[in-house]
Amino acid sequence: MEMTGGQALATQLVAEGVTDIFGIPGVQLDWATDGLLDVADRLRYLTPRHEQAASYMADGYARTTGREGVCMVVPGPGLLNAMAGLATAYACNSPVLCITGQIPSQHIGADLGMLHEVRNQSAILGSVSKWQALARRPEDIPGLVHEAFRQMRSGHSRPVGLEIPPDVLAARANMSLLDAAPRQAALDIEATELDTLAQQLKTARFPIIWAGGGVLAARAGDTLQQVAEALQAPVVMSDNGRGALSSRHALATTALGGRCLLPHADLVLVLGSRFVDGQGRPTHQAPGCRYVYVNLEPSHAGAPRYPGTAMVADAGAVLQALAERLHGHRAAESRGSAVAQVNAWCAQQIDAIQPQRRYVDALRAAIPDDGVLVSELTQVGYLANIAYPVYTPRSLITPGYQGTLGYGFATALGAAMGNPQRAVVSINGDGGFGWNLQELATVARYRPRLVTVVFEDGAFGNVRRIQSQVFKREIGTALCNPDFAALARAFGLSATEVDSPEGLASELTAALAVQGPSVIVAKVGVMPGPWHLIHTFSKAPHPAPPNPLGDPMPFR
């Protein structure tokens, strides 16, 4: 049928199953937003107050729903504003489609000073995407949208980008729409390799599974549990992998617990994880240990990781193949008691980090099992990454290795828009909250079930502590804050203030009982750093891990 490029864009998005798009209109997108009106009964156009929020919302939506998030921004400054959210999505392997405008086709690359023109916009978009394209003709749009979704639904899931100039959006042509791109789980591995791996796991003295975000992306939690139980293999979850196995499971532990368990392993199965720390060093390496790296990215099995067997495949597909080969197998010895001893040691270490531990406990007590916690770069958030029990997949969201301060509030807003039946809680420091506090207007407009907690200490608290400890003086850390509760009320939102973990637990429980948004401001003071529990490269003294196996050579 004949339609404009903008109509083709909207119609193909619907064909791919998109029901929500986050974006801010602008002149280069006029024909795209007009096209959205034709499908308004099937596709919501949700408008934040800043392009950064649009990309963060798409990321939060994608990581909590398991569906692709879509944002649409104007070229130049609009795309540049969205880059922080796209960089975070890239770091967290999040399937986000960024549709951006362009300057008129005939002027691209001419450096004429067109409105919103920037040099090499395609290269800028390419730096935070696994695939990108520029539409040159209106009839190309359906195929490019389809390819964008094929890229997100196969291989390593990461953001993709599509640029469409305004003249292409306005032009009319006969269009051929396409069916939705299918999901594809990659398993290009010989059956004999899988047989060998299953046999190695069966005969290993102490196998350990390291589960990363690739397990969640593959929706493979149930299969992971089957394999772990058959082998009685402890499951160590990376920050991005938390929720792959419930924290209540006898074999589940965090990266902190992994410090105690990994030195005993004779075989480590790494599933969907980079398996390196924040300084680019391997998470674990020992000459006497075998490593099997399962990842869709071949480079994630190479140096600096210790040499091992590389399987370029989807973590879920490998787990399914292993489950079939391990059917009926049951390890002779239970490892639940060893993991319980390790988790008890972890709890002792975490208990020393106060008052953060009590605030984390207050959050967990109030948030339902399937509720979503979006953890910011705040003192409570840092500890939550290892101390907050996670019971269901996609219920703890972090910024991954990108560490994007200020990502949390807008990301949580996207999560709430995509999960209207789930409780969503955003925790923020007063520093990070300042990045997107204008999105209180978006919360007021759409009124999702979102509770926003702001921990207020009047400073960039982590930076202040580091400067004080290292340099014995400070610069640029003090904040001039508004009255956050009054600001929320000015937008028509409910807001309260607390000054204790018990107060937070009470107010959060009450707020979550209401099907709507609210803000809680928690007044806090200086807090101790938890870095020695989070990063093995921290200069703080590291607690000696226990030896749960009684191994005469516990640390290789």
Protein backbone atom coordinates (compact mmCIF):
# COMPACT_ATOMS: atom_id res chain seq x y z
CA MET A 1 0.00 0.00 0.00
CA GLU A 2 1.08 3.61 -0.46
CA MET A 3 2.02 5.54 2.65
CA THR A 4 4.54 8.05 3.93
CA GLY A 5 7.82 6.99 5.46
CA GLY A 6 6.47 8.04 8.84
CA GLN A 7 3.41 5.85 8.44
CA ALA A 8 5.58 2.94 7.33
CA LEU A 9 7.75 3.39 10.42
CA ALA A 10 4.78 3.33 12.79
CA THR A 11 3.06 0.42 11.05
CA GLN A 12 6.19 -1.77 10.97
CA LEU A 13 6.86 -1.05 14.66
CA VAL A 14 3.38 -2.38 15.43
CA ALA A 15 4.05 -5.41 13.22
CA GLU A 16 7.14 -6.14 15.32
CA GLY A 17 5.03 -6.16 18.47
CA VAL A 18 5.93 -2.72 19.84
CA THR A 19 3.25 -1.30 22.14
CA ASP A 20 5.15 1.63 23.71
CA ILE A 21 7.63 4.19 22.42
CA PHE A 22 9.40 6.89 24.44
CA GLY A 23 10.20 10.10 22.65
CA ILE A 24 10.14 13.87 22.38
CA PRO A 25 8.76 15.41 19.17
CA GLY A 26 10.69 17.85 17.03
CA VAL A 27 10.67 19.31 13.56
CA GLN A 28 12.78 16.58 11.92
CA LEU A 29 10.37 13.98 13.33
CA ASP A 30 7.09 15.64 12.38
CA TRP A 31 6.16 13.01 9.80
CA ALA A 32 7.16 10.21 12.19
CA THR A 33 5.02 11.46 15.05
CA ASP A 34 2.13 12.11 12.65
CA GLY A 35 2.41 8.48 11.57
CA LEU A 36 2.07 7.37 15.19
CA LEU A 37 -1.42 8.89 15.28
CA ASP A 38 -2.56 6.29 12.75
CA VAL A 39 -1.70 3.47 15.18
CA ALA A 40 -2.49 5.25 18.44
CA ASP A 41 -4.91 2.47 19.41
CA ARG A 42 -2.04 -0.03 19.36
CA LEU A 43 1.08 2.00 20.13
CA ARG A 44 1.45 4.47 23.03
CA TYR A 45 3.66 7.50 22.52
CA LEU A 46 5.06 8.41 25.96
CA THR A 47 6.75 11.79 26.24
CA PRO A 48 9.31 12.59 28.97
CA ARG A 49 10.90 15.99 29.50
CA HIS A 50 14.43 15.18 28.29
CA GLU A 51 15.93 12.89 25.66
CA GLN A 52 18.22 11.36 28.27
CA ALA A 53 15.11 10.17 30.09
CA ALA A 54 13.67 8.77 26.86
CA SER A 55 16.63 6.42 26.35
CA TYR A 56 16.80 5.48 30.03
CA MET A 57 13.07 4.73 30.03
CA ALA A 58 13.45 2.49 26.99
CA ASP A 59 16.26 0.63 28.77
CA GLY A 60 14.28 0.18 32.00
CA TYR A 61 11.30 -0.98 29.99
CA ALA A 62 13.38 -3.55 28.09
CA ARG A 63 15.26 -4.97 31.05
CA THR A 64 12.18 -5.51 33.21
CA THR A 65 9.66 -6.68 30.60
CA GLY A 66 11.93 -8.78 28.39
CA ARG A 67 10.55 -6.91 25.37
CA GLU A 68 12.44 -4.43 23.26
CA GLY A 69 12.45 -0.81 24.37
CA VAL A 70 12.08 1.89 21.73
CA CYS A 71 12.98 5.57 21.95
CA MET A 72 12.81 8.29 19.30
CA VAL A 73 14.75 11.56 19.41
CA VAL A 74 15.65 14.44 17.11
CA PRO A 75 19.15 14.49 15.58
CA GLY A 76 22.17 16.31 16.94
CA PRO A 77 21.51 17.52 20.49
CA GLY A 78 18.59 15.11 20.86
CA LEU A 79 20.76 12.09 20.11
CA LEU A 80 23.63 13.47 22.17
CA ASN A 81 21.28 13.86 25.13
CA ALA A 82 20.18 10.23 24.72
CA MET A 83 23.72 8.86 24.59
CA ALA A 84 24.09 8.22 28.34
CA GLY A 85 21.02 5.98 28.33
CA LEU A 86 22.18 4.16 25.21
CA ALA A 87 25.65 3.66 26.70
CA THR A 88 24.05 2.15 29.80
CA ALA A 89 21.88 -0.12 27.67
CA TYR A 90 24.96 -1.22 25.74
CA ALA A 91 26.83 -2.03 28.95
CA CYS A 92 23.87 -4.07 30.20
CA ASN A 93 23.14 -5.87 26.91
CA SER A 94 19.72 -4.31 26.72
CA PRO A 95 17.61 -4.55 23.52
CA VAL A 96 16.84 -0.89 22.81
CA LEU A 97 16.02 0.59 19.42
CA CYS A 98 16.95 4.25 19.11
CA ILE A 99 15.22 5.96 16.19
CA THR A 100 16.77 9.32 15.51
CA GLY A 101 16.10 11.99 12.95
CA GLN A 102 18.69 13.40 10.59
CA ILE A 103 19.19 16.55 8.59
CA PRO A 104 17.77 16.49 5.02
CA SER A 105 19.31 13.69 2.98
CA GLN A 106 20.99 15.87 0.37
CA HIS A 107 22.87 17.84 3.04
CA ILE A 108 24.27 14.98 5.14
CA GLY A 109 28.04 15.39 5.38
CA ALA A 110 28.09 18.79 3.66
CA ASP A 111 28.79 20.76 6.87
CA LEU A 112 26.39 23.56 5.92
CA GLY A 113 25.28 24.33 9.45
CA MET A 114 21.83 22.79 9.17
CA LEU A 115 19.57 22.74 12.23
CA HIS A 116 20.79 20.02 14.66
CA GLU A 117 23.65 19.01 12.39
CA VAL A 118 26.66 17.29 14.00
CA ARG A 119 29.65 15.72 12.29
CA ASN A 120 29.46 11.97 11.76
CA GLN A 121 26.19 11.42 13.58
CA SER A 122 26.14 7.84 12.24
CA ALA A 123 29.49 7.15 13.89
CA ILE A 124 28.27 8.65 17.16
CA LEU A 125 25.23 6.38 17.15
CA GLY A 126 27.38 3.43 16.14
CA SER A 127 29.57 3.82 19.23
CA VAL A 128 26.71 2.63 21.46
CA SER A 129 24.95 0.14 19.17
CA LYS A 130 25.64 -3.30 17.71
CA TRP A 131 23.97 -2.38 14.41
CA GLN A 132 22.82 0.83 12.81
CA ALA A 133 21.45 2.01 9.49
CA LEU A 134 20.49 5.19 7.65
CA ALA A 135 17.26 5.10 5.62
CA ARG A 136 17.76 6.61 2.17
CA ARG A 137 14.28 5.92 0.72
CA PRO A 138 10.85 5.60 2.34
CA GLU A 139 10.36 2.09 0.95
CA ASP A 140 13.53 1.00 2.83
CA ILE A 141 12.00 1.76 6.23
CA PRO A 142 9.97 -1.45 6.85
CA GLY A 143 12.95 -3.64 6.01
CA LEU A 144 15.34 -1.63 8.17
CA VAL A 145 12.95 -1.69 11.14
CA HIS A 146 12.58 -5.44 10.66
CA GLU A 147 16.36 -5.88 10.54
CA ALA A 148 16.73 -3.82 13.70
CA PHE A 149 14.46 -6.25 15.54
CA ARG A 150 16.18 -9.26 14.00
CA GLN A 151 19.45 -7.93 15.38
CA MET A 152 17.97 -7.46 18.85
CA ARG A 153 16.35 -10.90 18.83
CA SER A 154 19.42 -12.85 17.74
CA GLY A 155 23.04 -12.98 18.77
CA HIS A 156 24.33 -10.66 21.47
CA SER A 157 21.42 -8.45 22.48
CA ARG A 158 22.43 -4.79 22.53
CA PRO A 159 21.04 -1.42 21.37
CA VAL A 160 20.53 -0.79 17.66
CA GLY A 161 20.07 2.51 15.86
CA LEU A 162 18.10 3.77 12.88
CA GLU A 163 18.49 7.25 11.38
CA ILE A 164 15.74 8.61 9.14
CA PRO A 165 16.02 12.01 7.44
CA PRO A 166 12.91 14.23 7.42
CA ASP A 167 12.51 14.09 3.63
CA VAL A 168 12.46 10.28 3.79
CA LEU A 169 9.81 10.35 6.50
CA ALA A 170 7.65 12.73 4.43
CA ALA A 171 8.00 10.98 1.06
CA ARG A 172 5.31 8.58 -0.14
CA ALA A 173 5.91 5.17 -1.71
CA ASN A 174 4.34 1.76 -2.14
CA MET A 175 5.32 -0.20 0.96
CA SER A 176 5.68 -3.91 1.66
CA LEU A 177 5.37 -4.59 5.38
CA LEU A 178 7.00 -7.61 7.00
CA ASP A 179 6.03 -10.11 9.68
CA ALA A 180 7.71 -9.78 13.07
CA ALA A 181 11.32 -10.91 13.28
CA PRO A 182 11.58 -14.22 15.18
CA ARG A 183 13.72 -14.84 18.25
CA GLN A 184 16.74 -17.01 17.55
CA ALA A 185 18.79 -18.87 20.16
CA ALA A 186 22.24 -19.62 18.78
CA LEU A 187 23.60 -23.13 19.32
CA ASP A 188 26.18 -23.84 16.63
CA ILE A 189 28.01 -26.47 18.67
CA GLU A 190 28.63 -30.10 17.84
CA ALA A 191 26.64 -32.61 19.93
CA THR A 192 29.90 -34.32 20.87
CA GLU A 193 31.17 -31.09 22.48
CA LEU A 194 28.04 -30.90 24.60
CA ASP A 195 28.39 -34.58 25.50
CA THR A 196 31.95 -33.94 26.62
CA LEU A 197 30.95 -30.92 28.70
CA ALA A 198 28.14 -32.85 30.40
CA GLN A 199 30.54 -35.66 31.26
CA GLN A 200 33.14 -33.22 32.60
CA LEU A 201 30.51 -31.63 34.83
CA LYS A 202 29.34 -35.03 36.10
CA THR A 203 32.84 -36.12 37.06
CA ALA A 204 34.11 -32.78 38.43
CA ARG A 205 34.99 -32.82 42.11
CA PHE A 206 33.47 -29.38 42.73
CA PRO A 207 31.88 -27.67 39.70
CA ILE A 208 30.67 -24.09 39.98
CA ILE A 209 28.32 -22.21 37.64
CA TRP A 210 28.99 -18.49 37.17
CA ALA A 211 25.74 -16.99 35.85
CA GLY A 212 25.80 -13.61 34.11
CA GLY A 213 23.23 -11.41 32.43
CA GLY A 214 23.16 -13.72 29.41
CA VAL A 215 21.18 -16.24 31.46
CA LEU A 216 18.49 -13.65 32.16
CA ALA A 217 18.50 -12.50 28.52
CA ALA A 218 17.94 -16.13 27.46
CA ARG A 219 15.07 -16.53 29.95
CA ALA A 220 16.91 -19.61 31.20
CA GLY A 221 16.40 -19.44 34.95
CA ASP A 222 14.38 -22.65 35.21
CA THR A 223 16.88 -24.62 33.14
CA LEU A 224 19.76 -23.17 35.16
CA GLN A 225 18.09 -24.48 38.30
CA GLN A 226 17.67 -27.97 36.78
CA VAL A 227 21.33 -28.18 35.79
CA ALA A 228 22.60 -26.80 39.11
CA GLU A 229 20.47 -29.21 41.14
CA ALA A 230 21.54 -32.20 39.06
CA LEU A 231 25.20 -31.33 39.61
CA GLN A 232 24.76 -29.84 43.10
CA ALA A 233 26.85 -27.00 41.67
CA PRO A 234 26.78 -23.67 43.50
CA VAL A 235 25.50 -20.85 41.30
CA VAL A 236 27.45 -17.60 41.67
CA MET A 237 25.51 -14.74 40.09
CA SER A 238 27.24 -11.65 38.76
CA ASP A 239 25.66 -8.25 39.42
CA ASN A 240 23.98 -8.42 36.00
CA GLY A 241 22.92 -12.03 36.58
CA ARG A 242 21.18 -11.66 39.91
CA GLY A 243 17.70 -13.15 39.82
CA ALA A 244 18.70 -15.92 37.42
CA LEU A 245 18.26 -18.17 40.45
CA SER A 246 16.22 -17.10 43.48
CA SER A 247 18.25 -15.96 46.49
CA ARG A 248 16.18 -18.44 48.49
CA HIS A 249 17.65 -21.40 46.59
CA ALA A 250 20.12 -23.49 48.55
CA LEU A 251 22.75 -23.27 45.79
CA ALA A 252 22.48 -19.52 45.09
CA THR A 253 25.05 -16.93 46.10
CA THR A 254 26.47 -13.58 44.99
CA ALA A 255 29.87 -12.56 43.68
CA LEU A 256 30.89 -11.96 47.31
CA GLY A 257 30.10 -15.57 48.10
CA GLY A 258 32.00 -16.54 44.98
CA ARG A 259 35.19 -15.36 46.65
CA CYS A 260 34.82 -18.24 49.11
CA LEU A 261 33.71 -20.90 46.64
CA LEU A 262 35.73 -20.30 43.47
CA PRO A 263 39.10 -21.21 45.02
CA HIS A 264 37.78 -24.74 45.61
CA ALA A 265 36.45 -25.31 42.10
CA ASP A 266 38.04 -27.72 39.68
CA LEU A 267 35.62 -26.69 36.87
CA VAL A 268 33.89 -23.34 36.39
CA LEU A 269 31.11 -23.03 33.81
CA VAL A 270 30.80 -19.34 32.90
CA LEU A 271 27.42 -18.59 31.32
CA GLY A 272 26.69 -15.27 29.58
CA SER A 273 29.23 -13.20 31.50
CA ARG A 274 32.35 -11.20 30.69
CA PHE A 275 33.99 -12.80 33.76
CA VAL A 276 36.29 -9.85 34.42
CA ASP A 277 36.37 -7.37 37.29
CA GLY A 278 36.20 -3.58 37.19
CA GLN A 279 39.89 -3.33 36.35
CA GLY A 280 39.74 -5.76 33.45
CA ARG A 281 41.23 -8.69 35.38
CA PRO A 282 39.72 -12.18 35.30
CA THR A 283 37.21 -12.79 38.06
CA HIS A 284 39.12 -15.94 38.98
CA GLN A 285 42.01 -17.90 37.59
CA ALA A 286 43.87 -20.92 38.92
CA PRO A 287 46.19 -23.33 37.10
CA GLY A 288 44.41 -26.35 38.54
CA CYS A 289 40.94 -25.28 37.44
CA ARG A 290 39.23 -25.83 34.07
CA TYR A 291 37.09 -23.06 32.59
CA VAL A 292 34.29 -23.31 30.05
CA TYR A 293 33.09 -19.96 28.67
CA VAL A 294 29.65 -19.88 27.06
CA ASN A 295 28.97 -16.54 25.43
CA LEU A 296 27.59 -15.13 22.21
CA GLU A 297 30.60 -12.80 22.05
CA PRO A 298 33.77 -14.73 21.11
CA SER A 299 36.00 -12.05 22.66
CA HIS A 300 34.47 -12.75 26.07
CA ALA A 301 36.30 -16.07 26.22
CA GLY A 302 39.79 -14.76 25.44
CA ALA A 303 42.53 -12.97 27.35
CA PRO A 304 42.80 -11.68 30.03
CA ARG A 305 40.68 -14.64 31.15
CA TYR A 306 42.49 -17.84 32.04
CA PRO A 307 42.61 -20.19 29.02
CA GLY A 308 39.65 -22.53 28.73
CA THR A 309 37.07 -24.01 26.40
CA ALA A 310 35.06 -21.41 24.45
CA MET A 311 31.53 -22.09 23.26
CA VAL A 312 30.08 -19.31 21.12
CA ALA A 313 26.42 -19.92 21.87
CA ASP A 314 23.34 -18.69 23.69
CA ALA A 315 23.50 -19.53 27.41
CA GLY A 316 19.91 -20.76 27.40
CA ALA A 317 20.49 -23.12 24.48
CA VAL A 318 23.54 -24.66 26.17
CA LEU A 319 21.69 -25.02 29.48
CA GLN A 320 18.82 -26.76 27.70
CA ALA A 321 21.23 -29.17 26.02
CA LEU A 322 22.93 -29.87 29.34
CA ALA A 323 19.62 -30.42 31.12
CA GLU A 324 18.73 -33.08 28.58
CA ARG A 325 22.10 -34.81 29.03
CA LEU A 326 21.96 -34.61 32.82
CA HIS A 327 18.42 -35.94 33.06
CA GLY A 328 18.31 -38.56 35.82
CA HIS A 329 21.77 -37.63 37.11
CA ARG A 330 22.11 -36.60 40.74
CA ALA A 331 25.41 -35.68 42.34
CA ALA A 332 26.32 -37.90 45.28
CA GLU A 333 27.02 -35.00 47.63
CA SER A 334 24.81 -32.02 48.41
CA ARG A 335 26.55 -28.65 48.35
CA GLY A 336 23.72 -26.76 50.06
CA SER A 337 25.43 -26.75 53.44
CA ALA A 338 28.64 -25.33 51.99
CA VAL A 339 26.73 -22.54 50.24
CA ALA A 340 24.76 -21.85 53.42
CA GLN A 341 28.01 -21.45 55.36
CA VAL A 342 29.31 -19.04 52.72
CA ASN A 343 26.08 -17.01 52.68
CA ALA A 344 26.17 -16.77 56.48
CA TRP A 345 29.69 -15.36 56.23
CA CYS A 346 28.50 -12.89 53.58
CA ALA A 347 25.70 -11.74 55.90
CA GLN A 348 28.23 -11.14 58.70
CA GLN A 349 30.35 -8.94 56.44
CA ILE A 350 27.32 -7.02 55.17
CA ASP A 351 25.97 -6.51 58.70
CA ALA A 352 29.02 -4.36 59.45
CA ILE A 353 28.01 -1.82 56.78
CA GLN A 354 25.50 0.34 58.63
CA PRO A 355 23.08 1.99 58.27
CA GLN A 356 23.01 0.81 54.65
CA ARG A 357 22.26 -2.80 55.64
CA ARG A 358 19.21 -1.75 57.64
CA TYR A 359 17.95 0.37 54.73
CA VAL A 360 18.42 -2.55 52.32
CA ASP A 361 16.48 -4.79 54.70
CA ALA A 362 13.72 -2.17 54.87
CA LEU A 363 13.48 -2.14 51.07
CA ARG A 364 13.32 -5.93 50.83
CA ALA A 365 10.70 -6.17 53.58
CA ALA A 366 8.38 -3.73 51.81
CA ILE A 367 8.86 -4.70 48.14
CA PRO A 368 6.92 -7.77 46.91
CA ASP A 369 8.88 -10.73 45.61
CA ASP A 370 8.17 -9.77 42.00
CA GLY A 371 8.60 -6.04 42.59
CA VAL A 372 11.39 -4.16 40.79
CA LEU A 373 14.18 -2.30 42.58
CA VAL A 374 16.19 0.10 40.42
CA SER A 375 19.45 0.65 42.24
CA GLU A 376 21.26 3.97 41.77
CA LEU A 377 24.88 4.91 42.47
CA THR A 378 24.04 5.82 46.04
CA GLN A 379 25.39 4.46 49.31
CA VAL A 380 22.36 2.21 49.85
CA GLY A 381 22.38 1.22 46.18
CA TYR A 382 26.01 0.13 46.22
CA LEU A 383 25.37 -2.30 49.05
CA ALA A 384 22.04 -3.43 47.59
CA ASN A 385 23.90 -4.93 44.62
CA ILE A 386 25.21 -7.70 46.90
CA ALA A 387 22.95 -7.46 49.96
CA TYR A 388 19.44 -7.18 48.49
CA PRO A 389 17.89 -10.65 48.06
CA VAL A 390 16.51 -11.16 44.55
CA TYR A 391 13.73 -13.70 44.14
CA THR A 392 12.59 -13.31 40.53
CA PRO A 393 14.29 -12.51 37.21
CA ARG A 394 14.42 -8.89 36.03
CA SER A 395 13.66 -7.49 39.48
CA LEU A 396 17.01 -5.79 40.31
CA ILE A 397 18.29 -3.22 37.79
CA THR A 398 21.77 -1.68 37.92
CA PRO A 399 23.77 0.44 35.43
CA GLY A 400 26.29 -2.35 34.87
CA TYR A 401 29.89 -1.45 34.19
CA GLN A 402 28.89 1.94 32.78
CA GLY A 403 28.11 3.23 36.29
CA THR A 404 25.96 6.06 34.95
CA LEU A 405 25.18 8.37 37.84
CA GLY A 406 21.62 9.68 37.53
CA TYR A 407 20.31 6.80 35.42
CA GLY A 408 18.02 5.35 38.08
CA PHE A 409 14.93 7.55 38.34
CA ALA A 410 14.22 7.68 34.60
CA THR A 411 15.06 3.99 34.18
CA ALA A 412 12.61 3.12 36.94
CA LEU A 413 9.99 5.26 35.24
CA GLY A 414 10.38 3.18 32.09
CA ALA A 415 10.16 -0.01 34.15
CA ALA A 416 6.96 1.21 35.78
CA MET A 417 5.39 2.11 32.42
CA GLY A 418 6.15 -1.37 31.11
CA ASN A 419 5.00 -3.22 34.24
CA PRO A 420 1.78 -1.60 35.44
CA GLN A 421 0.94 -4.55 37.73
CA ARG A 422 4.34 -4.71 39.45
CA ALA A 423 5.59 -2.53 42.27
CA VAL A 424 8.59 -0.48 41.10
CA VAL A 425 10.91 1.31 43.54
CA SER A 426 13.63 3.75 42.54
CA ILE A 427 16.35 4.54 45.08
CA ASN A 428 18.52 7.61 44.50
CA GLY A 429 21.06 9.79 46.18
CA ASP A 430 20.32 13.50 46.15
CA GLY A 431 23.23 13.93 43.73
CA GLY A 432 22.08 11.41 41.13
CA PHE A 433 18.44 12.39 41.49
CA GLY A 434 19.36 15.86 40.21
CA TRP A 435 20.15 14.46 36.75
CA ASN A 436 16.51 13.78 35.93
CA LEU A 437 14.34 15.30 38.63
CA GLN A 438 12.43 17.14 35.91
CA GLU A 439 10.84 13.76 35.16
CA LEU A 440 8.64 14.28 38.21
CA ALA A 441 6.50 16.00 35.57
CA THR A 442 6.38 12.75 33.57
CA VAL A 443 5.43 10.79 36.69
CA ALA A 444 2.68 13.29 37.40
CA ARG A 445 1.37 13.02 33.84
CA TYR A 446 1.24 9.23 33.51
CA ARG A 447 0.94 8.32 37.22
CA PRO A 448 2.58 4.86 37.15
CA ARG A 449 2.94 2.64 40.20
CA LEU A 450 6.36 4.01 41.11
CA VAL A 451 7.76 4.92 44.52
CA THR A 452 10.85 7.12 44.34
CA VAL A 453 13.17 7.20 47.37
CA VAL A 454 15.73 9.99 47.64
CA PHE A 455 18.50 9.55 50.23
CA GLU A 456 19.53 13.08 51.06
CA ASP A 457 22.91 13.84 52.64
CA GLY A 458 23.62 17.16 50.91
CA ALA A 459 26.62 15.91 48.95
CA PHE A 460 28.02 13.63 46.31
CA GLY A 461 28.63 11.32 49.25
CA ASN A 462 30.88 8.72 47.68
CA VAL A 463 33.10 11.33 46.02
CA ARG A 464 33.26 13.26 49.27
CA ARG A 465 34.40 10.21 51.22
CA ILE A 466 37.08 9.30 48.69
CA GLN A 467 38.44 12.86 48.54
CA SER A 468 38.50 13.10 52.32
CA GLN A 469 40.23 9.75 52.79
CA VAL A 470 42.77 10.09 49.99
CA PHE A 471 43.49 13.82 49.84
CA LYS A 472 42.31 15.01 53.27
CA ARG A 473 40.35 17.82 51.60
CA GLU A 474 37.30 18.19 49.36
CA ILE A 475 36.16 20.08 46.29
CA GLY A 476 32.90 20.19 44.36
CA THR A 477 31.03 17.71 46.55
CA ALA A 478 28.52 19.93 48.40
CA LEU A 479 25.01 20.17 46.97
CA CYS A 480 22.39 22.90 47.11
CA ASN A 481 19.15 20.93 47.14
CA PRO A 482 15.54 21.99 46.85
CA ASP A 483 12.99 20.76 49.34
CA PHE A 484 12.45 17.47 47.50
CA ALA A 485 9.17 16.67 49.23
CA ALA A 486 7.78 20.13 48.47
CA LEU A 487 8.98 19.84 44.87
CA ALA A 488 7.15 16.53 44.46
CA ARG A 489 4.00 18.05 45.93
CA ALA A 490 4.31 20.95 43.51
CA PHE A 491 3.87 18.38 40.74
CA GLY A 492 0.81 17.00 42.48
CA LEU A 493 2.57 13.93 43.91
CA SER A 494 2.31 12.47 47.38
CA ALA A 495 5.55 12.95 49.35
CA THR A 496 6.80 12.15 52.86
CA GLU A 497 10.06 12.43 54.78
CA VAL A 498 11.74 9.83 57.02
CA ASP A 499 14.97 9.70 58.99
CA SER A 500 15.43 6.00 59.77
CA PRO A 501 15.27 2.56 58.14
CA GLU A 502 12.18 1.79 60.22
CA GLY A 503 10.53 4.94 58.95
CA LEU A 504 11.36 3.99 55.36
CA ALA A 505 9.92 0.50 55.80
CA SER A 506 6.66 1.93 57.15
CA GLU A 507 6.23 4.66 54.53
CA LEU A 508 7.29 2.41 51.65
CA THR A 509 4.82 -0.28 52.65
CA ALA A 510 2.04 2.30 52.74
CA ALA A 511 3.09 3.87 49.44
CA LEU A 512 3.18 0.53 47.62
CA ALA A 513 -0.33 -0.25 48.80
CA VAL A 514 -1.55 2.67 46.71
CA GLN A 515 -1.82 2.15 42.96
CA GLY A 516 0.00 5.33 42.03
CA PRO A 517 3.23 7.33 42.39
CA SER A 518 4.80 8.83 45.49
CA VAL A 519 8.13 10.20 46.72
CA ILE A 520 9.91 9.42 49.99
CA VAL A 521 12.82 11.59 51.13
CA ALA A 522 15.15 9.82 53.59
CA LYS A 523 17.42 12.16 55.55
CA VAL A 524 20.78 10.44 56.08
CA GLY A 525 24.30 11.23 57.21
CA VAL A 526 27.79 10.08 56.27
CA MET A 527 27.93 6.34 55.56
CA PRO A 528 30.87 3.91 55.46
CA GLY A 529 32.12 2.51 52.16
CA PRO A 530 31.27 -1.09 51.20
CA TRP A 531 33.91 -1.32 48.48
CA HIS A 532 35.99 -4.08 50.08
CA LEU A 533 32.91 -6.31 49.77
CA ILE A 534 32.07 -5.28 46.21
CA HIS A 535 35.44 -4.95 44.45
CA THR A 536 38.30 -7.36 44.95
CA PHE A 537 40.69 -4.60 43.86
CA SER A 538 39.59 -2.27 46.68
CA LYS A 539 42.48 -1.03 48.81
CA ALA A 540 40.45 -1.56 51.98
CA PRO A 541 41.30 -4.69 54.03
CA HIS A 542 39.50 -7.73 52.67
CA PRO A 543 37.84 -10.13 55.11
CA ALA A 544 39.30 -13.62 55.05
CA PRO A 545 36.82 -15.96 53.36
CA PRO A 546 35.86 -19.22 55.08
CA ASN A 547 36.81 -22.68 53.92
CA PRO A 548 33.42 -24.40 53.70
CA LEU A 549 34.82 -27.62 52.24
CA GLY A 550 37.64 -28.21 54.68
CA ASP A 551 39.90 -28.34 51.63
CA PRO A 552 43.56 -28.79 52.68
CA MET A 553 44.51 -26.46 49.76
CA PRO A 554 41.57 -24.03 49.78
CA PHE A 555 43.25 -21.20 47.89
CA ARG A 556 45.12 -22.19 44.79
